[in-house]
Amino acid sequence: MLNIDKTKLRADIKATTDKIRALKEIKRESGQPRMSWKVNADLEGLKYKATMLCCIMAQSRGRLHMPGKMDLPAQLQHVEFHQREYARPEVPASAAA
């Protein structure tokens, strides 16, 4: 299991959810012209990213983010590529002593 920089991960989760909330607020405004496919695509992309980030956090804790949809090995395979971005560099044993 990788040592995850949870501070950076939490900051990215917060930034992503703030962007989602802002887009949803725009969609809810009355008098708005029909939203373009670009706004909906951006929203779907942000939702996917938020789910991925939450899966990374859950995986770092040994838990499942979506228990009904996948098990731990499947979740690990799902987030393996993306969690490298949040991995802390490992300190060699000789440097720690």
C-alpha atoms as a PDB file:
ATOM      1  CA  MET A   1       0.000   0.000   0.000  1.00  0.00           C
ATOM      2  CA  LEU A   2       1.357   3.419  -0.948  1.00  0.00           C
ATOM      3  CA  ASN A   3       1.937   6.145   1.611  1.00  0.00           C
ATOM      4  CA  ILE A   4      -0.550   8.797   0.430  1.00  0.00           C
ATOM      5  CA  ASP A   5      -0.212  12.551   0.984  1.00  0.00           C
ATOM      6  CA  LYS A   6      -3.682  12.966   2.469  1.00  0.00           C
ATOM      7  CA  THR A   7      -3.349  16.740   2.863  1.00  0.00           C
ATOM      8  CA  LYS A   8      -2.890  17.184  -0.889  1.00  0.00           C
ATOM      9  CA  LEU A   9      -5.637  14.652  -1.588  1.00  0.00           C
ATOM     10  CA  ARG A  10      -8.105  16.420   0.738  1.00  0.00           C
ATOM     11  CA  ALA A  11      -7.295  19.762  -0.892  1.00  0.00           C
ATOM     12  CA  ASP A  12      -7.983  18.312  -4.353  1.00  0.00           C
ATOM     13  CA  ILE A  13     -11.240  16.739  -3.165  1.00  0.00           C
ATOM     14  CA  LYS A  14     -12.357  20.086  -1.752  1.00  0.00           C
ATOM     15  CA  ALA A  15     -11.385  21.988  -4.911  1.00  0.00           C
ATOM     16  CA  THR A  16     -13.206  19.481  -7.098  1.00  0.00           C
ATOM     17  CA  THR A  17     -16.372  19.532  -4.999  1.00  0.00           C
ATOM     18  CA  ASP A  18     -16.324  23.348  -4.953  1.00  0.00           C
ATOM     19  CA  LYS A  19     -16.198  23.345  -8.767  1.00  0.00           C
ATOM     20  CA  ILE A  20     -19.102  20.879  -8.891  1.00  0.00           C
ATOM     21  CA  ARG A  21     -21.161  23.059  -6.555  1.00  0.00           C
ATOM     22  CA  ALA A  22     -20.428  26.151  -8.667  1.00  0.00           C
ATOM     23  CA  LEU A  23     -21.533  24.422 -11.871  1.00  0.00           C
ATOM     24  CA  LYS A  24     -24.684  23.092 -10.221  1.00  0.00           C
ATOM     25  CA  GLU A  25     -25.474  26.576  -8.915  1.00  0.00           C
ATOM     26  CA  ILE A  26     -25.253  27.932 -12.458  1.00  0.00           C
ATOM     27  CA  LYS A  27     -27.550  25.166 -13.699  1.00  0.00           C
ATOM     28  CA  ARG A  28     -30.138  25.973 -10.998  1.00  0.00           C
ATOM     29  CA  GLU A  29     -30.345  29.710 -11.750  1.00  0.00           C
ATOM     30  CA  SER A  30     -33.679  30.690 -13.189  1.00  0.00           C
ATOM     31  CA  GLY A  31     -33.661  32.503 -16.470  1.00  0.00           C
ATOM     32  CA  GLN A  32     -30.545  30.693 -17.647  1.00  0.00           C
ATOM     33  CA  PRO A  33     -30.540  29.688 -21.268  1.00  0.00           C
ATOM     34  CA  ARG A  34     -30.364  25.981 -21.886  1.00  0.00           C
ATOM     35  CA  MET A  35     -26.968  24.713 -20.776  1.00  0.00           C
ATOM     36  CA  SER A  36     -24.597  23.628 -23.478  1.00  0.00           C
ATOM     37  CA  TRP A  37     -23.278  20.092 -23.732  1.00  0.00           C
ATOM     38  CA  LYS A  38     -19.884  21.478 -22.648  1.00  0.00           C
ATOM     39  CA  VAL A  39     -21.178  22.432 -19.173  1.00  0.00           C
ATOM     40  CA  ASN A  40     -22.777  19.020 -18.724  1.00  0.00           C
ATOM     41  CA  ALA A  41     -19.592  17.300 -19.924  1.00  0.00           C
ATOM     42  CA  ASP A  42     -17.522  19.370 -17.493  1.00  0.00           C
ATOM     43  CA  LEU A  43     -19.870  18.449 -14.669  1.00  0.00           C
ATOM     44  CA  GLU A  44     -19.716  14.739 -15.489  1.00  0.00           C
ATOM     45  CA  GLY A  45     -15.917  14.891 -15.699  1.00  0.00           C
ATOM     46  CA  LEU A  46     -15.708  16.586 -12.306  1.00  0.00           C
ATOM     47  CA  LYS A  47     -18.038  14.005 -10.782  1.00  0.00           C
ATOM     48  CA  TYR A  48     -15.829  11.213 -12.110  1.00  0.00           C
ATOM     49  CA  LYS A  49     -12.741  12.950 -10.714  1.00  0.00           C
ATOM     50  CA  ALA A  50     -14.388  13.400  -7.297  1.00  0.00           C
ATOM     51  CA  THR A  51     -15.325   9.716  -7.214  1.00  0.00           C
ATOM     52  CA  MET A  52     -11.773   8.738  -8.180  1.00  0.00           C
ATOM     53  CA  LEU A  53     -10.289  10.939  -5.442  1.00  0.00           C
ATOM     54  CA  CYS A  54     -12.676   9.518  -2.845  1.00  0.00           C
ATOM     55  CA  CYS A  55     -11.760   5.991  -3.975  1.00  0.00           C
ATOM     56  CA  ILE A  56      -8.070   6.841  -3.507  1.00  0.00           C
ATOM     57  CA  MET A  57      -8.779   8.105   0.028  1.00  0.00           C
ATOM     58  CA  ALA A  58     -10.819   5.001   0.851  1.00  0.00           C
ATOM     59  CA  GLN A  59      -8.122   2.724  -0.587  1.00  0.00           C
ATOM     60  CA  SER A  60      -5.464   4.427   1.551  1.00  0.00           C
ATOM     61  CA  ARG A  61      -7.561   3.544   4.611  1.00  0.00           C
ATOM     62  CA  GLY A  62      -8.208  -0.023   3.482  1.00  0.00           C
ATOM     63  CA  ARG A  63     -11.900   0.687   2.909  1.00  0.00           C
ATOM     64  CA  LEU A  64     -14.295   0.731  -0.010  1.00  0.00           C
ATOM     65  CA  HIS A  65     -15.813   3.892  -1.441  1.00  0.00           C
ATOM     66  CA  MET A  66     -18.457   2.031  -3.466  1.00  0.00           C
ATOM     67  CA  PRO A  67     -18.979  -1.285  -1.656  1.00  0.00           C
ATOM     68  CA  GLY A  68     -21.875  -2.419  -3.843  1.00  0.00           C
ATOM     69  CA  LYS A  69     -19.912  -1.943  -7.051  1.00  0.00           C
ATOM     70  CA  MET A  70     -16.418  -3.268  -6.354  1.00  0.00           C
ATOM     71  CA  ASP A  71     -14.222  -5.044  -3.842  1.00  0.00           C
ATOM     72  CA  LEU A  72     -10.786  -3.937  -2.564  1.00  0.00           C
ATOM     73  CA  PRO A  73      -8.721  -5.544  -5.356  1.00  0.00           C
ATOM     74  CA  ALA A  74     -11.004  -4.059  -8.022  1.00  0.00           C
ATOM     75  CA  GLN A  75     -10.847  -0.646  -6.349  1.00  0.00           C
ATOM     76  CA  LEU A  76      -7.056  -0.837  -6.198  1.00  0.00           C
ATOM     77  CA  GLN A  77      -6.923  -1.658  -9.891  1.00  0.00           C
ATOM     78  CA  HIS A  78      -9.314   1.241 -10.590  1.00  0.00           C
ATOM     79  CA  VAL A  79      -7.222   3.863  -8.723  1.00  0.00           C
ATOM     80  CA  GLU A  80      -3.727   2.426  -9.138  1.00  0.00           C
ATOM     81  CA  PHE A  81      -2.625   4.814 -11.882  1.00  0.00           C
ATOM     82  CA  HIS A  82      -4.107   7.944 -10.295  1.00  0.00           C
ATOM     83  CA  GLN A  83      -2.929   7.337  -6.737  1.00  0.00           C
ATOM     84  CA  ARG A  84       0.714   7.656  -7.808  1.00  0.00           C
ATOM     85  CA  GLU A  85       0.110  11.402  -8.074  1.00  0.00           C
ATOM     86  CA  TYR A  86      -0.509  11.486  -4.304  1.00  0.00           C
ATOM     87  CA  ALA A  87       2.225   9.075  -3.221  1.00  0.00           C
ATOM     88  CA  ARG A  88       4.810  10.392  -0.807  1.00  0.00           C
ATOM     89  CA  PRO A  89       8.397   9.564  -1.680  1.00  0.00           C
ATOM     90  CA  GLU A  90       9.688   6.670   0.370  1.00  0.00           C
ATOM     91  CA  VAL A  91      12.601   7.410   2.654  1.00  0.00           C
ATOM     92  CA  PRO A  92      15.334   4.768   2.462  1.00  0.00           C
ATOM     93  CA  ALA A  93      15.960   2.922   5.742  1.00  0.00           C
ATOM     94  CA  SER A  94      19.584   4.145   5.853  1.00  0.00           C
ATOM     95  CA  ALA A  95      18.475   7.817   5.637  1.00  0.00           C
ATOM     96  CA  ALA A  96      15.881   7.392   8.400  1.00  0.00           C
ATOM     97  CA  ALA A  97      18.453   6.151  10.908  1.00  0.00           C
END
